[in-house]
């Protein structure tokens, strides 16, 4: 983004006689996060902008004029997408579909094509580009630390063709083998667990408190309440304890990929 937004924020802060730390305290943020926004290195979330407006007495200006990213995603996912690009640790639970950052082109296209309202080829392509771009955060060999907890249904649910499923699962095993990501499978035998209610993403940062993003059918919500995020983190940890160890999860993913590869 251009730095007009950040420069305006800085001007408002200075005209109010506030240091970055003082504004951060008022907006319940960190000083480094304020510095990143002012320097144009970060796009604040809607919640960030709301808090900054409140701290500076600027009405809803910072919320209304948030820089738009040239991406094609559902409105409810925009803020989560921006945070996903900034996170240093991401822990995801997937209930029925492979997490977006791990999806191959074939799998993503198979997921994006069906819709309640028909989509043109152009719209599908725009959505696909954004989906695949999300995976580039894993191009860095170190950050973010990415851990996925997959319900066994993710492996068993047939998305697209057997070839697409084999390619998708092989892609995941390849990333596991080079130790770029950690993946654990929560088997059907684990029975009921609280995470069965939907998809969950936990994101942690160097310069701001952790957040959680949950998603259901055509809806999603970002949570930054410390108490709620802590509860969701505990829930994730408990479910992870019931999952297969890394080596067993890798073996199951390999075997399932081979089964799809042998399908006619």
Protein backbone atom coordinates (compact mmCIF):
# COMPACT_ATOMS: atom_id res chain seq x y z
CA UNK A 1 0.00 0.00 0.00
CA UNK A 2 1.07 3.64 -0.29
CA UNK A 3 2.01 5.33 2.94
CA UNK A 4 -0.76 7.96 2.92
CA UNK A 5 -2.71 6.04 5.55
CA UNK A 6 0.30 5.58 7.84
CA UNK A 7 1.42 9.17 7.48
CA UNK A 8 -2.07 10.43 8.33
CA UNK A 9 -2.14 8.23 11.41
CA UNK A 10 1.25 9.57 12.48
CA UNK A 11 0.11 13.16 11.96
CA UNK A 12 -3.01 12.59 14.07
CA UNK A 13 -0.97 10.95 16.81
CA UNK A 14 1.57 13.77 16.93
CA UNK A 15 -1.12 16.46 16.86
CA UNK A 16 -2.65 14.76 19.90
CA UNK A 17 0.72 14.96 21.66
CA UNK A 18 1.05 11.18 21.94
CA UNK A 19 4.11 9.00 21.56
CA UNK A 20 3.78 5.68 19.77
CA UNK A 21 3.86 3.91 23.13
CA UNK A 22 1.14 6.15 24.59
CA UNK A 23 -1.11 5.54 21.58
CA UNK A 24 -0.39 1.82 21.78
CA UNK A 25 -1.45 1.80 25.44
CA UNK A 26 -4.68 3.65 24.67
CA UNK A 27 -5.53 1.40 21.69
CA UNK A 28 -4.48 -1.82 23.48
CA UNK A 29 -1.82 -2.55 20.89
CA UNK A 30 1.99 -2.74 20.88
CA UNK A 31 4.31 0.15 20.05
CA UNK A 32 6.00 -1.84 17.27
CA UNK A 33 2.62 -2.55 15.66
CA UNK A 34 1.85 1.19 15.62
CA UNK A 35 5.30 1.80 14.11
CA UNK A 36 4.68 -0.77 11.35
CA UNK A 37 1.33 0.82 10.44
CA UNK A 38 2.78 4.35 10.38
CA UNK A 39 5.68 3.20 8.20
CA UNK A 40 3.30 1.54 5.73
CA UNK A 41 4.57 -1.98 6.47
CA UNK A 42 1.27 -3.22 7.87
CA UNK A 43 -2.40 -2.85 7.00
CA UNK A 44 -4.31 -2.65 10.29
CA UNK A 45 -7.26 -4.92 10.86
CA UNK A 46 -10.72 -3.39 11.17
CA UNK A 47 -10.50 -3.92 14.93
CA UNK A 48 -7.10 -2.16 15.03
CA UNK A 49 -8.58 0.81 13.13
CA UNK A 50 -11.60 0.95 15.46
CA UNK A 51 -9.34 1.11 18.52
CA UNK A 52 -7.12 3.75 16.94
CA UNK A 53 -10.15 5.87 16.04
CA UNK A 54 -11.33 5.63 19.63
CA UNK A 55 -7.92 6.50 21.06
CA UNK A 56 -7.43 9.48 18.74
CA UNK A 57 -11.03 10.71 18.69
CA UNK A 58 -11.14 10.52 14.87
CA UNK A 59 -14.68 9.11 14.63
CA UNK A 60 -14.57 6.26 12.12
CA UNK A 61 -12.07 7.75 9.67
CA UNK A 62 -9.37 5.12 10.16
CA UNK A 63 -11.96 2.39 9.76
CA UNK A 64 -13.61 3.87 6.66
CA UNK A 65 -10.39 4.51 4.81
CA UNK A 66 -8.58 1.25 5.46
CA UNK A 67 -6.38 0.48 2.42
CA UNK A 68 -7.92 -2.20 0.26
CA UNK A 69 -5.87 -5.20 -0.72
CA UNK A 70 -6.16 -6.38 -4.32
CA UNK A 71 -7.32 -9.84 -3.36
CA UNK A 72 -10.42 -11.88 -3.97
CA UNK A 73 -11.74 -13.30 -0.71
CA UNK A 74 -14.98 -13.28 1.21
CA UNK A 75 -15.52 -10.03 3.12
CA UNK A 76 -15.48 -11.82 6.46
CA UNK A 77 -12.02 -13.26 5.76
CA UNK A 78 -10.22 -10.03 4.75
CA UNK A 79 -8.95 -9.13 8.21
CA UNK A 80 -7.88 -12.71 8.93
CA UNK A 81 -6.00 -12.85 5.61
CA UNK A 82 -3.99 -9.73 6.51
CA UNK A 83 -3.09 -11.21 9.90
CA UNK A 84 -2.20 -14.56 8.34
CA UNK A 85 0.51 -12.79 6.34
CA UNK A 86 1.96 -11.29 9.54
CA UNK A 87 1.79 -14.25 11.93
CA UNK A 88 4.92 -15.91 13.24
CA UNK A 89 3.04 -19.00 14.44
CA UNK A 90 -0.11 -20.46 12.86
CA UNK A 91 -2.03 -23.40 14.28
CA UNK A 92 -4.96 -24.59 12.18
CA UNK A 93 -7.69 -27.12 12.71
CA UNK A 94 -9.38 -28.34 9.53
CA UNK A 95 -12.67 -30.16 9.85
CA UNK A 96 -13.42 -31.26 6.29
CA UNK A 97 -11.15 -29.43 3.83
CA UNK A 98 -7.39 -28.97 3.51
CA UNK A 99 -6.35 -25.56 4.95
CA UNK A 100 -6.12 -22.88 2.26
CA UNK A 101 -2.36 -22.29 2.63
CA UNK A 102 -1.72 -25.98 1.90
CA UNK A 103 -4.04 -26.39 -1.06
CA UNK A 104 -2.70 -27.35 -4.48
CA UNK A 105 -4.05 -25.68 -7.61
CA UNK A 106 -6.19 -28.67 -8.57
CA UNK A 107 -7.67 -29.05 -5.10
CA UNK A 108 -8.31 -25.31 -4.71
CA UNK A 109 -10.04 -25.13 -8.08
CA UNK A 110 -12.27 -28.06 -7.15
CA UNK A 111 -13.20 -26.32 -3.87
CA UNK A 112 -13.80 -22.89 -5.38
CA UNK A 113 -15.81 -23.86 -8.46
CA UNK A 114 -19.06 -24.97 -6.74
CA UNK A 115 -20.99 -22.01 -5.34
CA UNK A 116 -24.43 -21.03 -4.12
CA UNK A 117 -24.39 -18.43 -6.90
CA UNK A 118 -22.76 -19.35 -10.25
CA UNK A 119 -19.25 -17.96 -10.76
CA UNK A 120 -17.70 -16.92 -14.04
CA UNK A 121 -14.37 -18.39 -15.12
CA UNK A 122 -12.78 -14.99 -14.49
CA UNK A 123 -14.06 -14.85 -10.91
CA UNK A 124 -12.93 -18.43 -10.26
CA UNK A 125 -9.47 -17.54 -11.57
CA UNK A 126 -9.25 -14.46 -9.29
CA UNK A 127 -10.23 -16.52 -6.27
CA UNK A 128 -7.75 -19.20 -7.25
CA UNK A 129 -4.88 -16.73 -7.56
CA UNK A 130 -5.59 -15.38 -4.06
CA UNK A 131 -5.91 -18.88 -2.60
CA UNK A 132 -2.59 -20.02 -4.08
CA UNK A 133 -0.87 -16.79 -3.08
CA UNK A 134 -1.72 -17.55 0.55
CA UNK A 135 0.54 -20.58 0.35
CA UNK A 136 3.56 -18.42 -0.42
CA UNK A 137 3.92 -17.63 3.28
CA UNK A 138 5.45 -21.12 3.53
CA UNK A 139 8.14 -20.27 0.97
CA UNK A 140 10.20 -18.83 3.80
CA UNK A 141 12.16 -21.78 5.27
CA UNK A 142 11.62 -20.60 8.84
CA UNK A 143 8.58 -18.39 9.44
CA UNK A 144 5.80 -18.80 10.12
CA UNK A 145 5.89 -21.93 12.24
CA UNK A 146 2.89 -23.78 10.80
CA UNK A 147 1.03 -26.64 12.45
CA UNK A 148 -2.11 -28.22 11.01
CA UNK A 149 -4.45 -30.52 12.88
CA UNK A 150 -6.53 -32.38 10.31
CA UNK A 151 -9.66 -34.30 11.12
CA UNK A 152 -9.50 -37.65 9.35
CA UNK A 153 -12.46 -36.50 7.23
CA UNK A 154 -10.08 -34.14 5.42
CA UNK A 155 -8.21 -37.17 4.07
CA UNK A 156 -11.29 -39.25 3.31
CA UNK A 157 -13.52 -36.60 1.75
CA UNK A 158 -13.27 -36.91 -2.03
CA UNK A 159 -12.65 -33.43 -3.49
CA UNK A 160 -12.33 -33.32 -7.26
CA UNK A 161 -10.83 -36.49 -8.76
CA UNK A 162 -8.73 -39.26 -7.17
CA UNK A 163 -5.74 -37.76 -8.98
CA UNK A 164 -6.38 -34.39 -7.35
CA UNK A 165 -6.61 -35.97 -3.91
CA UNK A 166 -3.42 -37.99 -4.46
CA UNK A 167 -1.58 -34.86 -5.58
CA UNK A 168 -2.90 -32.84 -2.62
CA UNK A 169 -1.95 -35.36 0.03
CA UNK A 170 1.44 -35.94 -1.60
CA UNK A 171 2.03 -32.18 -1.48
CA UNK A 172 1.36 -32.17 2.26
CA UNK A 173 3.60 -35.18 2.92
CA UNK A 174 6.39 -33.53 0.93
CA UNK A 175 6.25 -30.45 3.13
CA UNK A 176 6.17 -32.64 6.23
CA UNK A 177 9.19 -34.63 5.06
CA UNK A 178 11.28 -31.49 4.58
CA UNK A 179 10.07 -30.41 8.04
CA UNK A 180 8.61 -27.14 6.79
CA UNK A 181 5.30 -27.86 8.50
CA UNK A 182 3.92 -30.12 11.20
CA UNK A 183 0.70 -32.01 10.53
CA UNK A 184 -1.23 -34.29 12.84
CA UNK A 185 -4.31 -36.30 11.96
CA UNK A 186 -7.16 -36.55 14.44
CA UNK A 187 -8.60 -40.02 13.70
CA UNK A 188 -12.27 -40.91 13.66
CA UNK A 189 -11.51 -43.19 16.61
CA UNK A 190 -10.92 -40.14 18.81
CA UNK A 191 -14.69 -39.64 18.84
CA UNK A 192 -16.29 -36.31 19.65
CA UNK A 193 -14.13 -33.30 20.38
CA UNK A 194 -15.11 -29.61 20.79
CA UNK A 195 -13.35 -28.55 17.58
CA UNK A 196 -15.89 -30.51 15.53
CA UNK A 197 -18.01 -27.37 15.48
CA UNK A 198 -15.95 -25.74 12.73
CA UNK A 199 -12.63 -24.62 11.29
CA UNK A 200 -10.20 -22.79 13.60
CA UNK A 201 -7.01 -20.82 13.02
CA UNK A 202 -4.85 -19.55 15.88
CA UNK A 203 -2.32 -16.88 14.96
CA UNK A 204 0.52 -15.55 17.10
CA UNK A 205 2.76 -12.53 16.48
CA UNK A 206 5.98 -10.97 17.71
CA UNK A 207 4.43 -7.56 18.24
CA UNK A 208 0.77 -8.02 19.11
CA UNK A 209 -1.51 -10.36 21.10
CA UNK A 210 -2.65 -13.64 19.54
CA UNK A 211 -5.95 -13.87 17.68
CA UNK A 212 -8.27 -16.66 16.60
CA UNK A 213 -10.33 -17.01 13.45
CA UNK A 214 -13.27 -19.39 13.21
CA UNK A 215 -15.28 -20.21 10.12
CA UNK A 216 -18.54 -21.97 9.30
CA UNK A 217 -20.89 -22.03 6.31
CA UNK A 218 -20.59 -18.68 4.48
CA UNK A 219 -19.51 -16.94 7.68
CA UNK A 220 -16.36 -16.31 9.64
CA UNK A 221 -15.30 -14.29 12.66
CA UNK A 222 -12.04 -12.95 14.05
CA UNK A 223 -11.65 -13.10 17.84
CA UNK A 224 -9.15 -11.06 19.83
CA UNK A 225 -10.63 -11.30 23.32
CA UNK A 226 -7.69 -12.61 25.43
CA UNK A 227 -9.95 -14.87 27.49
CA UNK A 228 -11.66 -16.40 24.45
CA UNK A 229 -8.40 -16.85 22.52
CA UNK A 230 -6.86 -18.57 25.54
CA UNK A 231 -9.86 -20.92 25.77
CA UNK A 232 -9.59 -21.77 22.07
CA UNK A 233 -5.85 -22.39 22.46
CA UNK A 234 -6.53 -24.83 25.31
CA UNK A 235 -9.20 -26.57 23.23
CA UNK A 236 -6.77 -26.93 20.34
CA UNK A 237 -4.06 -28.31 22.63
CA UNK A 238 -6.42 -30.90 24.10
CA UNK A 239 -7.52 -32.03 20.62
CA UNK A 240 -3.88 -32.20 19.52
CA UNK A 241 -3.24 -34.54 22.42
CA UNK A 242 -5.77 -37.00 20.94
CA UNK A 243 -4.22 -36.82 17.45
CA UNK A 244 -1.82 -39.31 15.89
CA UNK A 245 1.90 -38.56 16.41
CA UNK A 246 3.73 -36.90 13.53
CA UNK A 247 5.25 -40.11 12.10
CA UNK A 248 1.95 -41.99 12.25
CA UNK A 249 0.14 -39.04 10.68
CA UNK A 250 2.70 -38.95 7.88
CA UNK A 251 2.31 -42.67 7.28
CA UNK A 252 -1.48 -42.35 7.11
CA UNK A 253 -1.27 -39.44 4.66
CA UNK A 254 1.13 -41.41 2.44
CA UNK A 255 -1.05 -44.52 2.51
CA UNK A 256 -4.19 -42.54 1.70
CA UNK A 257 -2.45 -40.77 -1.18
CA UNK A 258 -1.43 -44.16 -2.57
CA UNK A 259 -5.02 -45.42 -2.28
CA UNK A 260 -6.25 -42.46 -4.31
CA UNK A 261 -3.45 -43.06 -6.81
CA UNK A 262 -4.70 -46.60 -7.40
CA UNK A 263 -8.35 -45.57 -7.88
CA UNK A 264 -9.72 -45.95 -11.40
